[in-house]
C-alpha atoms as a PDB file:
ATOM      1  CA  LEU A   1     203.203 182.953 138.123  1.00  0.00           C
ATOM      2  CA  ILE A   2     204.701 180.858 140.525  1.00  0.00           C
ATOM      3  CA  ASN A   3     202.378 182.380 143.411  1.00  0.00           C
ATOM      4  CA  TRP A   4     199.188 181.390 140.887  1.00  0.00           C
ATOM      5  CA  TYR A   5     200.615 178.021 140.389  1.00  0.00           C
ATOM      6  CA  ASN A   6     201.131 177.177 143.993  1.00  0.00           C
ATOM      7  CA  ASN A   7     197.431 178.944 145.266  1.00  0.00           C
ATOM      8  CA  ASP A   8     195.219 177.991 142.050  1.00  0.00           C
ATOM      9  CA  ASN A   9     193.520 174.687 143.771  1.00  0.00           C
ATOM     10  CA  ASP A  10     190.719 174.609 141.320  1.00  0.00           C
ATOM     11  CA  THR A  11     192.620 173.968 137.815  1.00  0.00           C
ATOM     12  CA  HIS A  12     193.469 170.516 136.745  1.00  0.00           C
ATOM     13  CA  PRO A  13     197.223 169.630 137.362  1.00  0.00           C
ATOM     14  CA  LEU A  14     197.635 168.830 133.633  1.00  0.00           C
ATOM     15  CA  VAL A  15     196.069 172.347 132.611  1.00  0.00           C
ATOM     16  CA  LYS A  16     198.177 173.951 135.242  1.00  0.00           C
ATOM     17  CA  SER A  17     201.374 172.684 133.750  1.00  0.00           C
ATOM     18  CA  ALA A  18     200.377 173.599 130.332  1.00  0.00           C
ATOM     19  CA  ILE A  19     199.722 177.047 131.035  1.00  0.00           C
ATOM     20  CA  PHE A  20     202.559 177.553 133.349  1.00  0.00           C
ATOM     21  CA  SER A  21     204.796 176.433 130.283  1.00  0.00           C
ATOM     22  CA  TYR A  22     202.895 178.755 128.064  1.00  0.00           C
ATOM     23  CA  GLU A  23     203.353 181.650 130.282  1.00  0.00           C
ATOM     24  CA  PHE A  24     206.757 180.828 131.192  1.00  0.00           C
ATOM     25  CA  VAL A  25     208.016 180.629 127.610  1.00  0.00           C
ATOM     26  CA  SER A  26     205.746 183.836 126.785  1.00  0.00           C
ATOM     27  CA  ILE A  27     207.219 185.855 129.896  1.00  0.00           C
ATOM     28  CA  HIS A  28     210.849 185.043 128.056  1.00  0.00           C
ATOM     29  CA  PRO A  29     212.769 185.841 131.360  1.00  0.00           C
ATOM     30  CA  PHE A  30     215.909 184.940 129.900  1.00  0.00           C
ATOM     31  CA  GLN A  31     218.127 185.924 126.885  1.00  0.00           C
ATOM     32  CA  ASP A  32     218.023 182.322 125.799  1.00  0.00           C
ATOM     33  CA  GLY A  33     217.008 178.700 126.541  1.00  0.00           C
ATOM     34  CA  ASN A  34     213.234 179.713 127.932  1.00  0.00           C
ATOM     35  CA  GLY A  35     211.587 177.276 125.963  1.00  0.00           C
ATOM     36  CA  ARG A  36     213.826 174.477 127.044  1.00  0.00           C
ATOM     37  CA  LEU A  37     213.390 175.568 130.404  1.00  0.00           C
ATOM     38  CA  SER A  38     209.814 175.856 130.173  1.00  0.00           C
ATOM     39  CA  ARG A  39     209.777 172.401 128.994  1.00  0.00           C
ATOM     40  CA  LEU A  40     211.771 170.997 132.015  1.00  0.00           C
ATOM     41  CA  LEU A  41     209.723 173.168 134.128  1.00  0.00           C
ATOM     42  CA  ALA A  42     206.481 171.513 132.909  1.00  0.00           C
ATOM     43  CA  THR A  43     208.036 167.711 133.374  1.00  0.00           C
ATOM     44  CA  LEU A  44     208.780 168.609 137.104  1.00  0.00           C
ATOM     45  CA  LEU A  45     205.690 170.011 137.549  1.00  0.00           C
ATOM     46  CA  LEU A  46     203.819 166.839 136.079  1.00  0.00           C
ATOM     47  CA  LEU A  47     206.339 164.494 138.371  1.00  0.00           C
ATOM     48  CA  LYS A  48     205.505 166.506 141.390  1.00  0.00           C
ATOM     49  CA  ASN A  49     201.855 165.895 140.645  1.00  0.00           C
ATOM     50  CA  GLY A  50     202.221 162.320 140.377  1.00  0.00           C
ATOM     51  CA  TYR A  51     202.319 161.633 136.500  1.00  0.00           C
ATOM     52  CA  ASN A  52     205.804 159.537 137.115  1.00  0.00           C
ATOM     53  CA  TRP A  53     205.869 158.175 133.724  1.00  0.00           C
ATOM     54  CA  ILE A  54     206.903 161.597 132.839  1.00  0.00           C
ATOM     55  CA  GLN A  55     210.454 160.807 133.614  1.00  0.00           C
ATOM     56  CA  TYR A  56     210.758 157.873 131.200  1.00  0.00           C
ATOM     57  CA  VAL A  57     210.276 159.871 127.978  1.00  0.00           C
ATOM     58  CA  SER A  58     211.231 163.181 126.615  1.00  0.00           C
ATOM     59  CA  LEU A  59     208.855 166.045 126.345  1.00  0.00           C
ATOM     60  CA  GLU A  60     211.673 168.107 125.213  1.00  0.00           C
ATOM     61  CA  HIS A  61     212.282 165.505 122.283  1.00  0.00           C
ATOM     62  CA  GLU A  62     208.501 165.476 121.413  1.00  0.00           C
ATOM     63  CA  ILE A  63     208.233 169.490 121.068  1.00  0.00           C
ATOM     64  CA  GLU A  64     211.634 169.627 119.113  1.00  0.00           C
ATOM     65  CA  SER A  65     210.145 166.687 116.670  1.00  0.00           C
ATOM     66  CA  ASN A  66     207.007 169.219 116.184  1.00  0.00           C
ATOM     67  CA  LYS A  67     208.923 172.412 116.287  1.00  0.00           C
ATOM     68  CA  SER A  68     207.097 174.047 113.391  1.00  0.00           C
ATOM     69  CA  ASP A  69     203.563 173.437 115.047  1.00  0.00           C
ATOM     70  CA  TYR A  70     204.934 174.355 118.414  1.00  0.00           C
ATOM     71  CA  TYR A  71     206.168 177.795 117.074  1.00  0.00           C
ATOM     72  CA  LEU A  72     202.655 177.995 115.317  1.00  0.00           C
ATOM     73  CA  VAL A  73     200.711 177.483 118.093  1.00  0.00           C
ATOM     74  CA  LEU A  74     202.472 179.850 120.172  1.00  0.00           C
ATOM     75  CA  ARG A  75     202.822 182.790 117.870  1.00  0.00           C
ATOM     76  CA  LYS A  76     199.003 182.261 117.396  1.00  0.00           C
ATOM     77  CA  CYS A  77     198.299 182.515 121.120  1.00  0.00           C
ATOM     78  CA  GLN A  78     200.690 185.100 121.844  1.00  0.00           C
ATOM     79  CA  ALA A  79     199.222 187.315 119.186  1.00  0.00           C
ATOM     80  CA  GLU A  80     196.176 188.283 121.228  1.00  0.00           C
ATOM     81  CA  ARG A  81     198.461 188.914 124.526  1.00  0.00           C
ATOM     82  CA  PRO A  82     197.530 189.624 127.356  1.00  0.00           C
ATOM     83  CA  ASN A  83     193.993 188.564 126.998  1.00  0.00           C
ATOM     84  CA  GLU A  84     194.695 185.556 124.629  1.00  0.00           C
ATOM     85  CA  ASN A  85     192.772 182.207 124.703  1.00  0.00           C
ATOM     86  CA  VAL A  86     195.184 179.548 125.287  1.00  0.00           C
ATOM     87  CA  SER A  87     192.884 176.584 124.514  1.00  0.00           C
ATOM     88  CA  GLU A  88     195.096 175.787 121.435  1.00  0.00           C
ATOM     89  CA  TRP A  89     198.125 176.051 123.294  1.00  0.00           C
ATOM     90  CA  ILE A  90     196.585 173.422 125.891  1.00  0.00           C
ATOM     91  CA  ASN A  91     195.414 171.087 122.926  1.00  0.00           C
ATOM     92  CA  PHE A  92     199.194 171.346 121.783  1.00  0.00           C
ATOM     93  CA  PHE A  93     200.565 170.672 124.993  1.00  0.00           C
ATOM     94  CA  PHE A  94     198.366 167.505 125.586  1.00  0.00           C
ATOM     95  CA  ASP A  95     198.867 165.955 122.098  1.00  0.00           C
ATOM     96  CA  ALA A  96     202.415 166.193 123.041  1.00  0.00           C
ATOM     97  CA  LEU A  97     201.725 164.260 126.425  1.00  0.00           C
ATOM     98  CA  GLN A  98     199.367 161.901 124.589  1.00  0.00           C
ATOM     99  CA  ASN A  99     202.332 160.873 121.877  1.00  0.00           C
ATOM    100  CA  ILE A 100     204.919 160.640 124.333  1.00  0.00           C
ATOM    101  CA  GLN A 101     202.880 158.362 126.671  1.00  0.00           C
ATOM    102  CA  GLU A 102     202.154 156.301 123.531  1.00  0.00           C
ATOM    103  CA  GLN A 103     205.754 156.076 122.702  1.00  0.00           C
ATOM    104  CA  LEU A 104     206.335 154.673 126.342  1.00  0.00           C
ATOM    105  CA  MET A 105     203.499 152.232 126.094  1.00  0.00           C
ATOM    106  CA  LYS A 106     204.820 150.756 122.629  1.00  0.00           C
ATOM    107  CA  LYS A 107     208.253 150.628 124.608  1.00  0.00           C
ATOM    108  CA  LEU A 108     206.790 148.578 127.586  1.00  0.00           C
ATOM    109  CA  GLU A 109     205.156 146.259 125.027  1.00  0.00           C
ATOM    110  CA  VAL A 110     208.490 145.170 123.906  1.00  0.00           C
ATOM    111  CA  LYS A 111     207.954 141.180 123.046  1.00  0.00           C
ATOM    112  CA  GLY A 112     204.618 141.098 124.820  1.00  0.00           C
ATOM    113  CA  VAL A 113     206.004 141.547 128.435  1.00  0.00           C
ATOM    114  CA  GLN A 114     204.098 144.525 129.389  1.00  0.00           C
ATOM    115  CA  THR A 115     201.722 142.803 131.934  1.00  0.00           C
ATOM    116  CA  LYS A 116     204.782 140.499 132.927  1.00  0.00           C
ATOM    117  CA  LEU A 117     207.218 142.803 134.461  1.00  0.00           C
ATOM    118  CA  SER A 118     207.026 144.704 137.746  1.00  0.00           C
ATOM    119  CA  PRO A 119     207.024 148.356 138.063  1.00  0.00           C
ATOM    120  CA  LYS A 120     210.565 148.560 138.917  1.00  0.00           C
ATOM    121  CA  GLU A 121     211.541 145.726 135.993  1.00  0.00           C
ATOM    122  CA  LYS A 122     209.632 148.246 133.608  1.00  0.00           C
ATOM    123  CA  SER A 123     211.647 151.205 134.677  1.00  0.00           C
ATOM    124  CA  ILE A 124     214.891 149.425 134.246  1.00  0.00           C
ATOM    125  CA  LEU A 125     214.085 147.846 130.891  1.00  0.00           C
ATOM    126  CA  ILE A 126     213.167 151.760 129.597  1.00  0.00           C
ATOM    127  CA  PHE A 127     216.295 153.034 131.164  1.00  0.00           C
ATOM    128  CA  ILE A 128     218.358 150.535 129.112  1.00  0.00           C
ATOM    129  CA  GLU A 129     216.371 150.906 126.180  1.00  0.00           C
ATOM    130  CA  ASN A 130     217.150 154.998 126.746  1.00  0.00           C
ATOM    131  CA  ASN A 131     220.818 154.178 127.771  1.00  0.00           C
ATOM    132  CA  ALA A 132     222.170 151.354 126.022  1.00  0.00           C
ATOM    133  CA  GLY A 133     225.737 150.037 127.518  1.00  0.00           C
ATOM    134  CA  THR A 134     224.768 151.352 130.964  1.00  0.00           C
ATOM    135  CA  LYS A 135     225.973 149.497 133.855  1.00  0.00           C
ATOM    136  CA  SER A 136     224.116 148.391 137.226  1.00  0.00           C
ATOM    137  CA  GLY A 137     225.251 150.746 139.262  1.00  0.00           C
ATOM    138  CA  ASN A 138     224.108 153.638 137.145  1.00  0.00           C
ATOM    139  CA  ILE A 139     220.779 152.083 136.927  1.00  0.00           C
ATOM    140  CA  ALA A 140     220.591 151.944 140.723  1.00  0.00           C
ATOM    141  CA  GLU A 141     221.679 155.274 141.177  1.00  0.00           C
ATOM    142  CA  ARG A 142     219.630 156.986 138.665  1.00  0.00           C
ATOM    143  CA  LEU A 143     216.527 154.948 139.380  1.00  0.00           C
ATOM    144  CA  ASN A 144     216.994 155.086 143.199  1.00  0.00           C
ATOM    145  CA  ILE A 145     216.936 151.318 143.504  1.00  0.00           C
ATOM    146  CA  PRO A 146     219.179 149.227 145.478  1.00  0.00           C
ATOM    147  CA  ASN A 147     221.936 147.738 143.533  1.00  0.00           C
ATOM    148  CA  PRO A 148     221.618 144.319 144.582  1.00  0.00           C
ATOM    149  CA  THR A 149     217.660 144.548 143.357  1.00  0.00           C
ATOM    150  CA  VAL A 150     218.928 145.657 140.128  1.00  0.00           C
ATOM    151  CA  LYS A 151     221.511 143.255 139.522  1.00  0.00           C
ATOM    152  CA  ARG A 152     218.873 140.505 140.378  1.00  0.00           C
ATOM    153  CA  ILE A 153     216.478 142.085 138.126  1.00  0.00           C
ATOM    154  CA  LEU A 154     219.171 142.393 135.337  1.00  0.00           C
ATOM    155  CA  THR A 155     219.878 138.598 135.544  1.00  0.00           C
ATOM    156  CA  LYS A 156     216.429 137.893 135.348  1.00  0.00           C
ATOM    157  CA  MET A 157     215.767 139.859 132.299  1.00  0.00           C
ATOM    158  CA  VAL A 158     218.783 138.484 130.440  1.00  0.00           C
ATOM    159  CA  ASN A 159     217.408 134.971 130.988  1.00  0.00           C
ATOM    160  CA  GLN A 160     214.506 136.307 129.489  1.00  0.00           C
ATOM    161  CA  ASN A 161     216.253 137.454 126.500  1.00  0.00           C
ATOM    162  CA  LEU A 162     214.654 141.047 127.245  1.00  0.00           C
ATOM    163  CA  ILE A 163     218.104 142.328 127.330  1.00  0.00           C
ATOM    164  CA  GLU A 164     221.999 141.512 126.617  1.00  0.00           C
ATOM    165  CA  LYS A 165     224.855 141.364 128.760  1.00  0.00           C
ATOM    166  CA  PHE A 166     228.260 142.514 127.823  1.00  0.00           C
ATOM    167  CA  GLY A 167     231.483 142.160 129.898  1.00  0.00           C
ATOM    168  CA  ILE A 168     231.998 140.474 132.941  1.00  0.00           C
ATOM    169  CA  GLY A 169     232.739 141.851 136.696  1.00  0.00           C
ATOM    170  CA  ALA A 170     233.053 145.870 137.042  1.00  0.00           C
ATOM    171  CA  GLY A 171     233.132 146.010 133.396  1.00  0.00           C
ATOM    172  CA  THR A 172     229.408 144.588 132.600  1.00  0.00           C
ATOM    173  CA  ASN A 173     226.998 146.771 130.813  1.00  0.00           C
ATOM    174  CA  TYR A 174     223.591 146.163 129.386  1.00  0.00           C
ATOM    175  CA  ALA A 175     221.477 146.913 126.172  1.00  0.00           C
ATOM    176  CA  THR A 176     218.109 145.876 124.804  1.00  0.00           C
ATOM    177  CA  LYS A 177     218.173 143.400 121.963  1.00  0.00           C
END
């Protein structure tokens, strides 16, 4: 599976990620956690192929929210193994990606500021939405943005009423309004 993924230069990375996820869960190499690991690996493959937005949403949560459809499509495709047509799985995977991308876009449209925020500002805002009560140091570490830059952006966002600041000094944390 890994050799196929690394050596196939003809298949689009999105399709390869979907197929890799399907094959991994179908091979079922571990007693438990294969589905979660396949989704984690799919996320990693998407990141490695430049789909950086995936780090701000949860493919795992989207699949979990549609668990019955997930298992239905998975079983339907696997029933024809080893010569199955995985088109339905790829469509399911793409639908999940589209849903989480739309969720991300809605998050970015908070108070009509989507076009006014820089990429760093957007990533910080999304991080705070998903991690209410977080501190600037945690944001800097998790998003790999220098702490002084994070603090400057946080101050700007507080002044724009995009986020709220709680506490003072080292105890300061942030949440969305």
